[in-house]
Amino acid sequence: MKWIVEIINKEPYKITCKWNDNHINTVDLYSFILEKSKNVDNSYSQLINKDRFLQVKCDGSTLYWENGIKYQDIDGTLKP
């Protein structure tokens, strides 16, 4: 399984990541966030704000934003 080990670069709605297999690629989340932002109750809607989006972090396996977005990981654990 592949996972993100490091953020190389971030710009509004695009994050360049290094993966555990040493590949580097850019993930464009604009369409995903735009769709989610249509529902203001969706926790992802806050990411339409560029400053908030750029607060993205990596925990050594995935991307996350502190104080806002929670998701269930593949193993079932709830992540912040």
PDB file of N, CA and C in Angstrom:
ATOM      1  N   MET A   1       0.832  -1.166   0.000  1.00  0.00           N
ATOM      2  CA  MET A   1       0.000   0.000   0.000  1.00  0.00           C
ATOM      3  C   MET A   1       0.888   1.244   0.000  1.00  0.00           C
ATOM      4  N   LYS A   2       0.459   2.272  -0.713  1.00  0.00           N
ATOM      5  CA  LYS A   2       1.204   3.527  -0.770  1.00  0.00           C
ATOM      6  C   LYS A   2       0.643   4.509   0.248  1.00  0.00           C
ATOM      7  N   TRP A   3       1.540   5.325   0.797  1.00  0.00           N
ATOM      8  CA  TRP A   3       1.102   6.394   1.670  1.00  0.00           C
ATOM      9  C   TRP A   3       2.038   7.583   1.516  1.00  0.00           C
ATOM     10  N   ILE A   4       1.556   8.720   1.944  1.00  0.00           N
ATOM     11  CA  ILE A   4       2.297   9.976   1.828  1.00  0.00           C
ATOM     12  C   ILE A   4       3.229  10.109   3.027  1.00  0.00           C
ATOM     13  N   VAL A   5       4.500  10.358   2.753  1.00  0.00           N
ATOM     14  CA  VAL A   5       5.470  10.499   3.838  1.00  0.00           C
ATOM     15  C   VAL A   5       5.908  11.945   4.068  1.00  0.00           C
ATOM     16  N   GLU A   6       5.699  12.807   3.055  1.00  0.00           N
ATOM     17  CA  GLU A   6       6.192  14.178   3.182  1.00  0.00           C
ATOM     18  C   GLU A   6       5.478  15.097   2.200  1.00  0.00           C
ATOM     19  N   ILE A   7       5.256  16.329   2.618  1.00  0.00           N
ATOM     20  CA  ILE A   7       4.765  17.369   1.714  1.00  0.00           C
ATOM     21  C   ILE A   7       5.988  18.096   1.174  1.00  0.00           C
ATOM     22  N   ILE A   8       6.111  18.127  -0.141  1.00  0.00           N
ATOM     23  CA  ILE A   8       7.231  18.804  -0.800  1.00  0.00           C
ATOM     24  C   ILE A   8       6.888  20.265  -1.074  1.00  0.00           C
ATOM     25  N   ASN A   9       5.657  20.500  -1.532  1.00  0.00           N
ATOM     26  CA  ASN A   9       5.210  21.849  -1.868  1.00  0.00           C
ATOM     27  C   ASN A   9       3.699  21.911  -1.723  1.00  0.00           C
ATOM     28  N   LYS A  10       3.213  23.103  -1.386  1.00  0.00           N
ATOM     29  CA  LYS A  10       1.773  23.301  -1.345  1.00  0.00           C
ATOM     30  C   LYS A  10       1.441  24.659  -1.926  1.00  0.00           C
ATOM     31  N   GLU A  11       0.366  24.683  -2.662  1.00  0.00           N
ATOM     32  CA  GLU A  11      -0.192  25.898  -3.229  1.00  0.00           C
ATOM     33  C   GLU A  11      -1.697  25.706  -3.190  1.00  0.00           C
ATOM     34  N   PRO A  12      -2.467  26.763  -3.401  1.00  0.00           N
ATOM     35  CA  PRO A  12      -3.915  26.595  -3.281  1.00  0.00           C
ATOM     36  C   PRO A  12      -4.442  25.398  -4.080  1.00  0.00           C
ATOM     37  N   TYR A  13      -4.991  24.457  -3.336  1.00  0.00           N
ATOM     38  CA  TYR A  13      -5.690  23.273  -3.848  1.00  0.00           C
ATOM     39  C   TYR A  13      -4.780  22.216  -4.472  1.00  0.00           C
ATOM     40  N   LYS A  14      -3.473  22.432  -4.465  1.00  0.00           N
ATOM     41  CA  LYS A  14      -2.529  21.447  -5.002  1.00  0.00           C
ATOM     42  C   LYS A  14      -1.443  21.173  -3.970  1.00  0.00           C
ATOM     43  N   ILE A  15      -1.157  19.895  -3.783  1.00  0.00           N
ATOM     44  CA  ILE A  15      -0.140  19.491  -2.820  1.00  0.00           C
ATOM     45  C   ILE A  15       0.806  18.514  -3.512  1.00  0.00           C
ATOM     46  N   THR A  16       2.081  18.847  -3.515  1.00  0.00           N
ATOM     47  CA  THR A  16       3.084  17.944  -4.063  1.00  0.00           C
ATOM     48  C   THR A  16       3.612  17.093  -2.915  1.00  0.00           C
ATOM     49  N   CYS A  17       3.502  15.784  -3.090  1.00  0.00           N
ATOM     50  CA  CYS A  17       3.802  14.837  -2.017  1.00  0.00           C
ATOM     51  C   CYS A  17       4.873  13.840  -2.429  1.00  0.00           C
ATOM     52  N   LYS A  18       5.639  13.429  -1.438  1.00  0.00           N
ATOM     53  CA  LYS A  18       6.549  12.296  -1.608  1.00  0.00           C
ATOM     54  C   LYS A  18       5.870  11.092  -0.966  1.00  0.00           C
ATOM     55  N   TRP A  19       5.844   9.996  -1.699  1.00  0.00           N
ATOM     56  CA  TRP A  19       5.189   8.775  -1.241  1.00  0.00           C
ATOM     57  C   TRP A  19       6.223   7.795  -0.704  1.00  0.00           C
ATOM     58  N   ASN A  20       5.774   6.768  -0.010  1.00  0.00           N
ATOM     59  CA  ASN A  20       6.686   5.801   0.603  1.00  0.00           C
ATOM     60  C   ASN A  20       7.495   5.002  -0.412  1.00  0.00           C
ATOM     61  N   ASP A  21       7.118   5.037  -1.684  1.00  0.00           N
ATOM     62  CA  ASP A  21       7.914   4.366  -2.720  1.00  0.00           C
ATOM     63  C   ASP A  21       8.867   5.343  -3.417  1.00  0.00           C
ATOM     64  N   ASN A  22       9.044   6.526  -2.808  1.00  0.00           N
ATOM     65  CA  ASN A  22       9.923   7.603  -3.281  1.00  0.00           C
ATOM     66  C   ASN A  22       9.429   8.337  -4.513  1.00  0.00           C
ATOM     67  N   HIS A  23       8.250   8.035  -5.000  1.00  0.00           N
ATOM     68  CA  HIS A  23       7.678   8.809  -6.096  1.00  0.00           C
ATOM     69  C   HIS A  23       7.181  10.144  -5.553  1.00  0.00           C
ATOM     70  N   ILE A  24       7.273  11.154  -6.392  1.00  0.00           N
ATOM     71  CA  ILE A  24       6.773  12.482  -6.045  1.00  0.00           C
ATOM     72  C   ILE A  24       5.742  12.861  -7.097  1.00  0.00           C
ATOM     73  N   ASN A  25       4.560  13.256  -6.624  1.00  0.00           N
ATOM     74  CA  ASN A  25       3.555  13.741  -7.567  1.00  0.00           C
ATOM     75  C   ASN A  25       2.684  14.793  -6.899  1.00  0.00           C
ATOM     76  N   THR A  26       1.981  15.527  -7.730  1.00  0.00           N
ATOM     77  CA  THR A  26       1.119  16.599  -7.257  1.00  0.00           C
ATOM     78  C   THR A  26      -0.326  16.141  -7.284  1.00  0.00           C
ATOM     79  N   VAL A  27      -0.987  16.329  -6.154  1.00  0.00           N
ATOM     80  CA  VAL A  27      -2.394  15.982  -6.018  1.00  0.00           C
ATOM     81  C   VAL A  27      -3.193  17.277  -6.145  1.00  0.00           C
ATOM     82  N   ASP A  28      -4.084  17.331  -7.124  1.00  0.00           N
ATOM     83  CA  ASP A  28      -4.935  18.502  -7.332  1.00  0.00           C
ATOM     84  C   ASP A  28      -6.298  18.213  -6.717  1.00  0.00           C
ATOM     85  N   LEU A  29      -6.622  18.916  -5.647  1.00  0.00           N
ATOM     86  CA  LEU A  29      -7.863  18.683  -4.910  1.00  0.00           C
ATOM     87  C   LEU A  29      -8.953  19.705  -5.217  1.00  0.00           C
ATOM     88  N   TYR A  30      -8.721  20.566  -6.193  1.00  0.00           N
ATOM     89  CA  TYR A  30      -9.666  21.652  -6.450  1.00  0.00           C
ATOM     90  C   TYR A  30     -11.083  21.148  -6.728  1.00  0.00           C
ATOM     91  N   SER A  31     -11.251  20.231  -7.646  1.00  0.00           N
ATOM     92  CA  SER A  31     -12.596  19.743  -7.996  1.00  0.00           C
ATOM     93  C   SER A  31     -13.276  19.098  -6.793  1.00  0.00           C
ATOM     94  N   PHE A  32     -12.527  18.314  -6.036  1.00  0.00           N
ATOM     95  CA  PHE A  32     -13.071  17.655  -4.847  1.00  0.00           C
ATOM     96  C   PHE A  32     -13.555  18.691  -3.830  1.00  0.00           C
ATOM     97  N   ILE A  33     -12.715  19.685  -3.548  1.00  0.00           N
ATOM     98  CA  ILE A  33     -13.065  20.700  -2.556  1.00  0.00           C
ATOM     99  C   ILE A  33     -14.203  21.581  -3.051  1.00  0.00           C
ATOM    100  N   LEU A  34     -14.189  21.927  -4.319  1.00  0.00           N
ATOM    101  CA  LEU A  34     -15.269  22.736  -4.878  1.00  0.00           C
ATOM    102  C   LEU A  34     -16.607  22.025  -4.717  1.00  0.00           C
ATOM    103  N   GLU A  35     -16.644  20.746  -5.005  1.00  0.00           N
ATOM    104  CA  GLU A  35     -17.878  19.966  -4.859  1.00  0.00           C
ATOM    105  C   GLU A  35     -18.310  19.906  -3.392  1.00  0.00           C
ATOM    106  N   LYS A  36     -17.376  19.641  -2.499  1.00  0.00           N
ATOM    107  CA  LYS A  36     -17.699  19.546  -1.075  1.00  0.00           C
ATOM    108  C   LYS A  36     -18.132  20.888  -0.500  1.00  0.00           C
ATOM    109  N   SER A  37     -17.616  21.993  -1.041  1.00  0.00           N
ATOM    110  CA  SER A  37     -17.934  23.318  -0.505  1.00  0.00           C
ATOM    111  C   SER A  37     -19.375  23.737  -0.782  1.00  0.00           C
ATOM    112  N   LYS A  38     -20.066  23.018  -1.638  1.00  0.00           N
ATOM    113  CA  LYS A  38     -21.478  23.324  -1.913  1.00  0.00           C
ATOM    114  C   LYS A  38     -22.347  23.055  -0.695  1.00  0.00           C
ATOM    115  N   ASN A  39     -21.878  22.201   0.195  1.00  0.00           N
ATOM    116  CA  ASN A  39     -22.587  21.894   1.432  1.00  0.00           C
ATOM    117  C   ASN A  39     -21.779  22.485   2.585  1.00  0.00           C
ATOM    118  N   VAL A  40     -22.239  23.599   3.144  1.00  0.00           N
ATOM    119  CA  VAL A  40     -21.472  24.280   4.192  1.00  0.00           C
ATOM    120  C   VAL A  40     -21.332  23.440   5.456  1.00  0.00           C
ATOM    121  N   ASP A  41     -22.160  22.426   5.622  1.00  0.00           N
ATOM    122  CA  ASP A  41     -22.057  21.547   6.784  1.00  0.00           C
ATOM    123  C   ASP A  41     -20.972  20.480   6.617  1.00  0.00           C
ATOM    124  N   ASN A  42     -20.460  20.325   5.413  1.00  0.00           N
ATOM    125  CA  ASN A  42     -19.404  19.354   5.158  1.00  0.00           C
ATOM    126  C   ASN A  42     -18.086  19.928   5.676  1.00  0.00           C
ATOM    127  N   SER A  43     -17.342  19.143   6.445  1.00  0.00           N
ATOM    128  CA  SER A  43     -16.103  19.655   7.041  1.00  0.00           C
ATOM    129  C   SER A  43     -15.068  20.066   5.995  1.00  0.00           C
ATOM    130  N   TYR A  44     -15.133  19.491   4.809  1.00  0.00           N
ATOM    131  CA  TYR A  44     -14.188  19.865   3.752  1.00  0.00           C
ATOM    132  C   TYR A  44     -14.483  21.240   3.163  1.00  0.00           C
ATOM    133  N   SER A  45     -15.686  21.768   3.382  1.00  0.00           N
ATOM    134  CA  SER A  45     -16.053  23.054   2.781  1.00  0.00           C
ATOM    135  C   SER A  45     -15.142  24.181   3.256  1.00  0.00           C
ATOM    136  N   GLN A  46     -14.567  24.060   4.452  1.00  0.00           N
ATOM    137  CA  GLN A  46     -13.667  25.098   4.957  1.00  0.00           C
ATOM    138  C   GLN A  46     -12.396  25.228   4.116  1.00  0.00           C
ATOM    139  N   LEU A  47     -12.069  24.193   3.348  1.00  0.00           N
ATOM    140  CA  LEU A  47     -10.826  24.202   2.573  1.00  0.00           C
ATOM    141  C   LEU A  47     -10.914  25.025   1.302  1.00  0.00           C
ATOM    142  N   ILE A  48     -12.104  25.525   0.971  1.00  0.00           N
ATOM    143  CA  ILE A  48     -12.224  26.418  -0.181  1.00  0.00           C
ATOM    144  C   ILE A  48     -11.491  27.735   0.119  1.00  0.00           C
ATOM    145  N   ASN A  49     -11.314  28.034   1.408  1.00  0.00           N
ATOM    146  CA  ASN A  49     -10.525  29.184   1.827  1.00  0.00           C
ATOM    147  C   ASN A  49      -9.048  28.830   1.628  1.00  0.00           C
ATOM    148  N   LYS A  50      -8.366  29.587   0.778  1.00  0.00           N
ATOM    149  CA  LYS A  50      -6.981  29.253   0.417  1.00  0.00           C
ATOM    150  C   LYS A  50      -6.045  29.222   1.621  1.00  0.00           C
ATOM    151  N   ASP A  51      -6.215  30.181   2.530  1.00  0.00           N
ATOM    152  CA  ASP A  51      -5.344  30.203   3.708  1.00  0.00           C
ATOM    153  C   ASP A  51      -5.529  28.945   4.551  1.00  0.00           C
ATOM    154  N   ARG A  52      -6.779  28.526   4.698  1.00  0.00           N
ATOM    155  CA  ARG A  52      -7.056  27.302   5.467  1.00  0.00           C
ATOM    156  C   ARG A  52      -6.480  26.082   4.748  1.00  0.00           C
ATOM    157  N   PHE A  53      -6.658  26.024   3.435  1.00  0.00           N
ATOM    158  CA  PHE A  53      -6.127  24.899   2.668  1.00  0.00           C
ATOM    159  C   PHE A  53      -4.620  24.761   2.874  1.00  0.00           C
ATOM    160  N   LEU A  54      -3.918  25.877   2.869  1.00  0.00           N
ATOM    161  CA  LEU A  54      -2.458  25.856   2.969  1.00  0.00           C
ATOM    162  C   LEU A  54      -1.947  25.454   4.352  1.00  0.00           C
ATOM    163  N   GLN A  55      -2.834  25.234   5.304  1.00  0.00           N
ATOM    164  CA  GLN A  55      -2.449  24.754   6.629  1.00  0.00           C
ATOM    165  C   GLN A  55      -2.281  23.232   6.657  1.00  0.00           C
ATOM    166  N   VAL A  56      -2.357  22.611   5.498  1.00  0.00           N
ATOM    167  CA  VAL A  56      -2.249  21.151   5.398  1.00  0.00           C
ATOM    168  C   VAL A  56      -0.935  20.660   6.008  1.00  0.00           C
ATOM    169  N   LYS A  57      -1.008  19.488   6.634  1.00  0.00           N
ATOM    170  CA  LYS A  57       0.161  18.852   7.236  1.00  0.00           C
ATOM    171  C   LYS A  57       0.179  17.383   6.840  1.00  0.00           C
ATOM    172  N   CYS A  58       1.301  16.750   7.093  1.00  0.00           N
ATOM    173  CA  CYS A  58       1.443  15.314   6.846  1.00  0.00           C
ATOM    174  C   CYS A  58       1.883  14.656   8.148  1.00  0.00           C
ATOM    175  N   ASP A  59       1.238  13.539   8.492  1.00  0.00           N
ATOM    176  CA  ASP A  59       1.604  12.827   9.721  1.00  0.00           C
ATOM    177  C   ASP A  59       2.501  11.621   9.448  1.00  0.00           C
ATOM    178  N   GLY A  60       3.035  11.537   8.233  1.00  0.00           N
ATOM    179  CA  GLY A  60       3.891  10.415   7.861  1.00  0.00           C
ATOM    180  C   GLY A  60       3.163   9.318   7.123  1.00  0.00           C
ATOM    181  N   SER A  61       1.846   9.478   7.005  1.00  0.00           N
ATOM    182  CA  SER A  61       1.073   8.496   6.237  1.00  0.00           C
ATOM    183  C   SER A  61      -0.046   9.128   5.421  1.00  0.00           C
ATOM    184  N   THR A  62      -0.519  10.292   5.841  1.00  0.00           N
ATOM    185  CA  THR A  62      -1.612  10.938   5.128  1.00  0.00           C
ATOM    186  C   THR A  62      -1.574  12.447   5.346  1.00  0.00           C
ATOM    187  N   LEU A  63      -2.408  13.156   4.616  1.00  0.00           N
ATOM    188  CA  LEU A  63      -2.550  14.596   4.776  1.00  0.00           C
ATOM    189  C   LEU A  63      -3.653  14.870   5.784  1.00  0.00           C
ATOM    190  N   TYR A  64      -3.518  15.987   6.510  1.00  0.00           N
ATOM    191  CA  TYR A  64      -4.579  16.368   7.440  1.00  0.00           C
ATOM    192  C   TYR A  64      -4.532  17.864   7.710  1.00  0.00           C
ATOM    193  N   TRP A  65      -5.626  18.366   8.243  1.00  0.00           N
ATOM    194  CA  TRP A  65      -5.752  19.746   8.678  1.00  0.00           C
ATOM    195  C   TRP A  65      -6.144  19.712  10.140  1.00  0.00           C
ATOM    196  N   GLU A  66      -5.393  20.407  10.988  1.00  0.00           N
ATOM    197  CA  GLU A  66      -5.713  20.436  12.409  1.00  0.00           C
ATOM    198  C   GLU A  66      -7.025  21.174  12.647  1.00  0.00           C
ATOM    199  N   ASN A  67      -7.729  20.752  13.679  1.00  0.00           N
ATOM    200  CA  ASN A  67      -8.942  21.439  14.134  1.00  0.00           C
ATOM    201  C   ASN A  67      -9.993  21.609  13.056  1.00  0.00           C
ATOM    202  N   GLY A  68     -10.412  20.532  12.463  1.00  0.00           N
ATOM    203  CA  GLY A  68     -11.473  20.741  11.505  1.00  0.00           C
ATOM    204  C   GLY A  68     -11.953  19.527  10.764  1.00  0.00           C
ATOM    205  N   ILE A  69     -11.060  18.749  10.221  1.00  0.00           N
ATOM    206  CA  ILE A  69     -11.497  17.657   9.365  1.00  0.00           C
ATOM    207  C   ILE A  69     -11.177  16.339  10.043  1.00  0.00           C
ATOM    208  N   LYS A  70     -12.205  15.544  10.209  1.00  0.00           N
ATOM    209  CA  LYS A  70     -12.035  14.216  10.777  1.00  0.00           C
ATOM    210  C   LYS A  70     -12.453  13.203   9.729  1.00  0.00           C
ATOM    211  N   TYR A  71     -11.749  12.102   9.704  1.00  0.00           N
ATOM    212  CA  TYR A  71     -12.083  11.050   8.744  1.00  0.00           C
ATOM    213  C   TYR A  71     -11.772   9.699   9.365  1.00  0.00           C
ATOM    214  N   GLN A  72     -12.372   8.683   8.787  1.00  0.00           N
ATOM    215  CA  GLN A  72     -12.121   7.324   9.257  1.00  0.00           C
ATOM    216  C   GLN A  72     -11.065   6.696   8.364  1.00  0.00           C
ATOM    217  N   ASP A  73      -9.956   6.279   8.973  1.00  0.00           N
ATOM    218  CA  ASP A  73      -8.859   5.672   8.236  1.00  0.00           C
ATOM    219  C   ASP A  73      -9.253   4.273   7.770  1.00  0.00           C
ATOM    220  N   ILE A  74      -8.441   3.714   6.894  1.00  0.00           N
ATOM    221  CA  ILE A  74      -8.740   2.400   6.322  1.00  0.00           C
ATOM    222  C   ILE A  74      -8.854   1.312   7.397  1.00  0.00           C
ATOM    223  N   ASP A  75      -8.149   1.505   8.517  1.00  0.00           N
ATOM    224  CA  ASP A  75      -8.229   0.515   9.598  1.00  0.00           C
ATOM    225  C   ASP A  75      -9.385   0.775  10.560  1.00  0.00           C
ATOM    226  N   GLY A  76     -10.171   1.818  10.275  1.00  0.00           N
ATOM    227  CA  GLY A  76     -11.352   2.113  11.075  1.00  0.00           C
ATOM    228  C   GLY A  76     -11.152   3.148  12.160  1.00  0.00           C
ATOM    229  N   THR A  77      -9.903   3.566  12.403  1.00  0.00           N
ATOM    230  CA  THR A  77      -9.669   4.568  13.436  1.00  0.00           C
ATOM    231  C   THR A  77     -10.054   5.951  12.935  1.00  0.00           C
ATOM    232  N   LEU A  78     -10.579   6.761  13.855  1.00  0.00           N
ATOM    233  CA  LEU A  78     -10.954   8.131  13.527  1.00  0.00           C
ATOM    234  C   LEU A  78      -9.726   9.007  13.655  1.00  0.00           C
ATOM    235  N   LYS A  79      -9.419   9.737  12.615  1.00  0.00           N
ATOM    236  CA  LYS A  79      -8.240  10.607  12.592  1.00  0.00           C
ATOM    237  C   LYS A  79      -8.704  12.060  12.591  1.00  0.00           C
ATOM    238  N   PRO A  80      -7.911  12.931  13.241  1.00  0.00           N
ATOM    239  CA  PRO A  80      -8.283  14.364  13.264  1.00  0.00           C
ATOM    240  C   PRO A  80      -8.048  15.030  11.931  1.00  0.00           C
TER     241      PRO A  80
END
